[in-house]
Structure formats: structure tokens, C-alpha cells
N, C-alpha and C. Protein backbone atom coordinates (compact mmCIF):
# COMPACT_ATOMS: atom_id res chain seq x y z
N MET A 1 35.96 -2.91 -89.82
CA MET A 1 36.89 -1.83 -90.05
C MET A 1 36.12 -0.60 -90.52
N ALA A 2 36.50 0.55 -90.02
CA ALA A 2 35.83 1.80 -90.36
C ALA A 2 36.23 2.28 -91.75
N SER A 3 35.28 2.88 -92.43
CA SER A 3 35.56 3.45 -93.75
C SER A 3 36.33 4.76 -93.59
N ASP A 4 36.89 5.24 -94.68
CA ASP A 4 37.59 6.53 -94.66
C ASP A 4 36.66 7.65 -94.20
N ASP A 5 35.41 7.64 -94.71
CA ASP A 5 34.45 8.67 -94.32
C ASP A 5 34.13 8.61 -92.84
N GLU A 6 34.04 7.40 -92.29
CA GLU A 6 33.76 7.27 -90.85
C GLU A 6 34.91 7.82 -90.02
N LEU A 7 36.13 7.54 -90.44
CA LEU A 7 37.30 8.06 -89.71
C LEU A 7 37.37 9.58 -89.79
N LEU A 8 37.11 10.12 -90.96
CA LEU A 8 37.09 11.59 -91.11
C LEU A 8 35.99 12.20 -90.26
N ARG A 9 34.81 11.58 -90.29
CA ARG A 9 33.68 12.10 -89.52
C ARG A 9 34.00 12.09 -88.03
N GLU A 10 34.65 11.04 -87.56
CA GLU A 10 35.02 10.97 -86.14
C GLU A 10 35.95 12.12 -85.76
N GLN A 11 36.88 12.46 -86.64
CA GLN A 11 37.78 13.58 -86.38
C GLN A 11 37.01 14.89 -86.31
N VAL A 12 36.08 15.06 -87.24
CA VAL A 12 35.30 16.30 -87.31
C VAL A 12 34.40 16.46 -86.08
N VAL A 13 33.88 15.35 -85.58
CA VAL A 13 32.96 15.40 -84.43
C VAL A 13 33.70 15.78 -83.15
N SER A 14 34.99 15.52 -83.09
CA SER A 14 35.75 15.87 -81.89
C SER A 14 35.69 17.38 -81.65
N ALA A 15 35.98 17.78 -80.44
CA ALA A 15 35.93 19.20 -80.10
C ALA A 15 37.18 19.96 -80.54
N TRP A 16 38.25 19.26 -80.89
CA TRP A 16 39.50 19.92 -81.26
C TRP A 16 39.36 20.65 -82.59
N ARG A 17 39.88 21.86 -82.64
CA ARG A 17 39.95 22.64 -83.87
C ARG A 17 41.31 23.31 -83.94
N PRO A 18 41.89 23.38 -85.13
CA PRO A 18 43.18 24.06 -85.26
C PRO A 18 43.01 25.57 -85.12
N ARG A 19 44.08 26.22 -84.80
CA ARG A 19 44.08 27.69 -84.70
C ARG A 19 45.00 28.25 -85.77
N GLY A 20 44.62 29.39 -86.30
CA GLY A 20 45.44 30.08 -87.27
C GLY A 20 46.53 30.87 -86.58
N ARG A 21 47.40 31.47 -87.34
CA ARG A 21 48.48 32.27 -86.76
C ARG A 21 47.94 33.45 -85.95
N ASP A 22 46.75 33.91 -86.33
CA ASP A 22 46.13 35.03 -85.60
C ASP A 22 45.41 34.57 -84.34
N GLY A 23 45.43 33.26 -84.07
CA GLY A 23 44.76 32.72 -82.89
C GLY A 23 43.32 32.34 -83.13
N GLY A 24 42.79 32.66 -84.29
CA GLY A 24 41.40 32.33 -84.61
C GLY A 24 41.21 30.84 -84.83
N VAL A 25 40.04 30.37 -84.52
CA VAL A 25 39.70 28.96 -84.69
C VAL A 25 39.39 28.69 -86.16
N ARG A 26 39.93 27.61 -86.67
CA ARG A 26 39.72 27.21 -88.06
C ARG A 26 38.84 25.94 -88.10
N SER A 27 38.31 25.66 -89.25
CA SER A 27 37.54 24.42 -89.40
C SER A 27 38.52 23.24 -89.37
N HIS A 28 38.00 22.10 -88.96
CA HIS A 28 38.83 20.90 -88.91
C HIS A 28 39.23 20.53 -90.33
N PRO A 29 40.50 20.19 -90.57
CA PRO A 29 40.93 19.85 -91.93
C PRO A 29 40.13 18.70 -92.55
N ALA A 30 39.70 17.76 -91.73
CA ALA A 30 38.94 16.61 -92.25
C ALA A 30 37.58 17.04 -92.82
N TRP A 31 37.06 18.17 -92.35
CA TRP A 31 35.76 18.66 -92.83
C TRP A 31 35.76 18.79 -94.35
N HIS A 32 36.83 19.27 -94.89
CA HIS A 32 36.92 19.55 -96.32
C HIS A 32 37.07 18.28 -97.16
N ASP A 33 37.41 17.18 -96.52
CA ASP A 33 37.56 15.91 -97.22
C ASP A 33 36.28 15.08 -97.20
N LEU A 34 35.29 15.52 -96.44
CA LEU A 34 34.03 14.77 -96.35
C LEU A 34 33.08 15.15 -97.48
N PRO A 35 32.37 14.16 -98.03
CA PRO A 35 31.29 14.48 -98.98
C PRO A 35 30.19 15.26 -98.25
N GLU A 36 29.39 15.98 -98.98
CA GLU A 36 28.36 16.84 -98.38
C GLU A 36 27.45 16.09 -97.42
N ARG A 37 26.98 14.91 -97.80
CA ARG A 37 26.05 14.18 -96.91
C ARG A 37 26.74 13.78 -95.60
N GLU A 38 28.04 13.50 -95.67
CA GLU A 38 28.79 13.15 -94.47
C GLU A 38 29.03 14.37 -93.60
N ARG A 39 29.16 15.54 -94.21
CA ARG A 39 29.28 16.77 -93.42
C ARG A 39 28.02 17.01 -92.61
N ALA A 40 26.88 16.81 -93.23
CA ALA A 40 25.60 16.98 -92.51
C ALA A 40 25.52 15.99 -91.36
N ARG A 41 25.94 14.77 -91.60
CA ARG A 41 25.91 13.75 -90.54
C ARG A 41 26.89 14.12 -89.42
N ALA A 42 28.07 14.60 -89.79
CA ALA A 42 29.06 15.01 -88.79
C ALA A 42 28.53 16.16 -87.95
N TYR A 43 27.86 17.10 -88.58
CA TYR A 43 27.27 18.22 -87.85
C TYR A 43 26.27 17.72 -86.81
N ASP A 44 25.39 16.82 -87.22
CA ASP A 44 24.38 16.27 -86.31
C ASP A 44 25.04 15.51 -85.16
N GLU A 45 26.07 14.72 -85.48
CA GLU A 45 26.76 13.95 -84.45
C GLU A 45 27.51 14.87 -83.48
N ALA A 46 28.11 15.93 -83.99
CA ALA A 46 28.82 16.88 -83.13
C ALA A 46 27.85 17.58 -82.19
N ALA A 47 26.70 17.97 -82.71
CA ALA A 47 25.69 18.62 -81.87
C ALA A 47 25.23 17.68 -80.76
N SER A 48 25.03 16.41 -81.10
CA SER A 48 24.63 15.42 -80.08
C SER A 48 25.74 15.22 -79.05
N ALA A 49 26.98 15.16 -79.52
CA ALA A 49 28.10 14.98 -78.59
C ALA A 49 28.21 16.14 -77.62
N ARG A 50 28.05 17.38 -78.12
CA ARG A 50 28.13 18.53 -77.22
C ARG A 50 27.00 18.50 -76.19
N ARG A 51 25.80 18.06 -76.60
CA ARG A 51 24.69 17.96 -75.63
C ARG A 51 25.00 16.92 -74.56
N LEU A 52 25.58 15.79 -74.97
CA LEU A 52 25.95 14.76 -73.99
C LEU A 52 27.03 15.27 -73.05
N GLU A 53 28.03 15.96 -73.58
CA GLU A 53 29.08 16.53 -72.74
C GLU A 53 28.48 17.48 -71.70
N ALA A 54 27.59 18.33 -72.14
CA ALA A 54 26.97 19.29 -71.23
C ALA A 54 26.13 18.57 -70.18
N ALA A 55 25.45 17.51 -70.57
CA ALA A 55 24.62 16.75 -69.61
C ALA A 55 25.48 16.07 -68.55
N LEU A 56 26.69 15.69 -68.91
CA LEU A 56 27.57 15.00 -67.97
C LEU A 56 28.42 15.96 -67.15
N ASP A 57 28.51 17.19 -67.56
CA ASP A 57 29.34 18.18 -66.89
C ASP A 57 28.62 18.74 -65.67
N PRO A 58 29.30 18.85 -64.52
CA PRO A 58 28.66 19.38 -63.32
C PRO A 58 28.09 20.79 -63.49
N GLU A 59 28.69 21.56 -64.40
CA GLU A 59 28.21 22.92 -64.63
C GLU A 59 27.36 23.04 -65.89
N GLY A 60 27.11 21.90 -66.54
CA GLY A 60 26.28 21.91 -67.73
C GLY A 60 26.95 22.48 -68.96
N LEU A 61 28.28 22.42 -69.00
CA LEU A 61 29.02 23.01 -70.11
C LEU A 61 29.61 21.93 -71.01
N SER A 62 29.60 22.19 -72.30
CA SER A 62 30.24 21.29 -73.26
C SER A 62 31.72 21.66 -73.35
N THR A 63 32.49 20.82 -74.04
CA THR A 63 33.90 21.14 -74.25
C THR A 63 34.04 22.44 -75.04
N THR A 64 33.12 22.66 -75.96
CA THR A 64 33.15 23.90 -76.74
C THR A 64 32.94 25.10 -75.83
N ALA A 65 31.95 25.03 -74.95
CA ALA A 65 31.68 26.14 -74.03
C ALA A 65 32.89 26.38 -73.13
N ARG A 66 33.50 25.32 -72.64
CA ARG A 66 34.67 25.47 -71.78
C ARG A 66 35.83 26.11 -72.55
N ALA A 67 36.01 25.71 -73.80
CA ALA A 67 37.08 26.29 -74.61
C ALA A 67 36.85 27.78 -74.85
N VAL A 68 35.61 28.16 -75.10
CA VAL A 68 35.30 29.58 -75.31
C VAL A 68 35.55 30.37 -74.04
N LEU A 69 35.09 29.84 -72.91
CA LEU A 69 35.31 30.53 -71.64
C LEU A 69 36.80 30.65 -71.33
N ALA A 70 37.56 29.60 -71.60
CA ALA A 70 39.00 29.65 -71.36
C ALA A 70 39.66 30.68 -72.27
N ARG A 71 39.20 30.75 -73.49
CA ARG A 71 39.76 31.72 -74.44
C ARG A 71 39.47 33.14 -73.99
N LEU A 72 38.30 33.34 -73.42
CA LEU A 72 37.91 34.65 -72.91
C LEU A 72 38.47 34.90 -71.51
N ARG A 73 39.01 33.83 -70.93
CA ARG A 73 39.54 33.85 -69.57
C ARG A 73 38.48 34.24 -68.53
N LEU A 74 37.30 33.68 -68.74
CA LEU A 74 36.20 33.91 -67.81
C LEU A 74 35.98 32.67 -66.96
N PRO A 75 35.60 32.83 -65.69
CA PRO A 75 35.28 31.66 -64.89
C PRO A 75 34.02 31.00 -65.46
N SER A 76 33.94 29.67 -65.34
CA SER A 76 32.78 28.96 -65.89
C SER A 76 31.50 29.32 -65.16
N ARG A 77 31.53 29.51 -63.85
CA ARG A 77 30.36 29.95 -63.07
C ARG A 77 30.80 30.45 -61.73
């Protein structure tokens, strides 16, 4: 069974982020519940996940890159 920190870290590593009323991207709520060492681990895991996503994507884009392009309404390539 996963620990509370592992479950929070998994949420933080995902590409989903909440948006504020102004449309701006906010930090994941679980980020604030993680101890500092777990935040560092989540950051490293998220960076690895985005690299894997980009490696698997036909255009070499991560989910984050796709979300930014969609927000800007720009074609991916």
C-alpha cells in the first residue's frame, strides 16, 4: 500500500494543474502538503516524466508543451 507522501507525490507528478479565476496556472494543491524532501523528489520525477512523454510523442512534445501550445492556440508544428 502506498504511503500518503507517495500518493501526494503521484498527484504532483501528473501534468494536471488547477487554474485560477484569471485563467493562470496554479501549483498543484498536493505540492503544499508534501515535506520538502518529497517536493524535491516530485520535481525530479515530474522532469523525468515530461522527458519520457516527449520521447514517446511523434512531435517530441510533453504534455506540458502541448498544454502551453493549446493555451497559446498555436499549432504544435
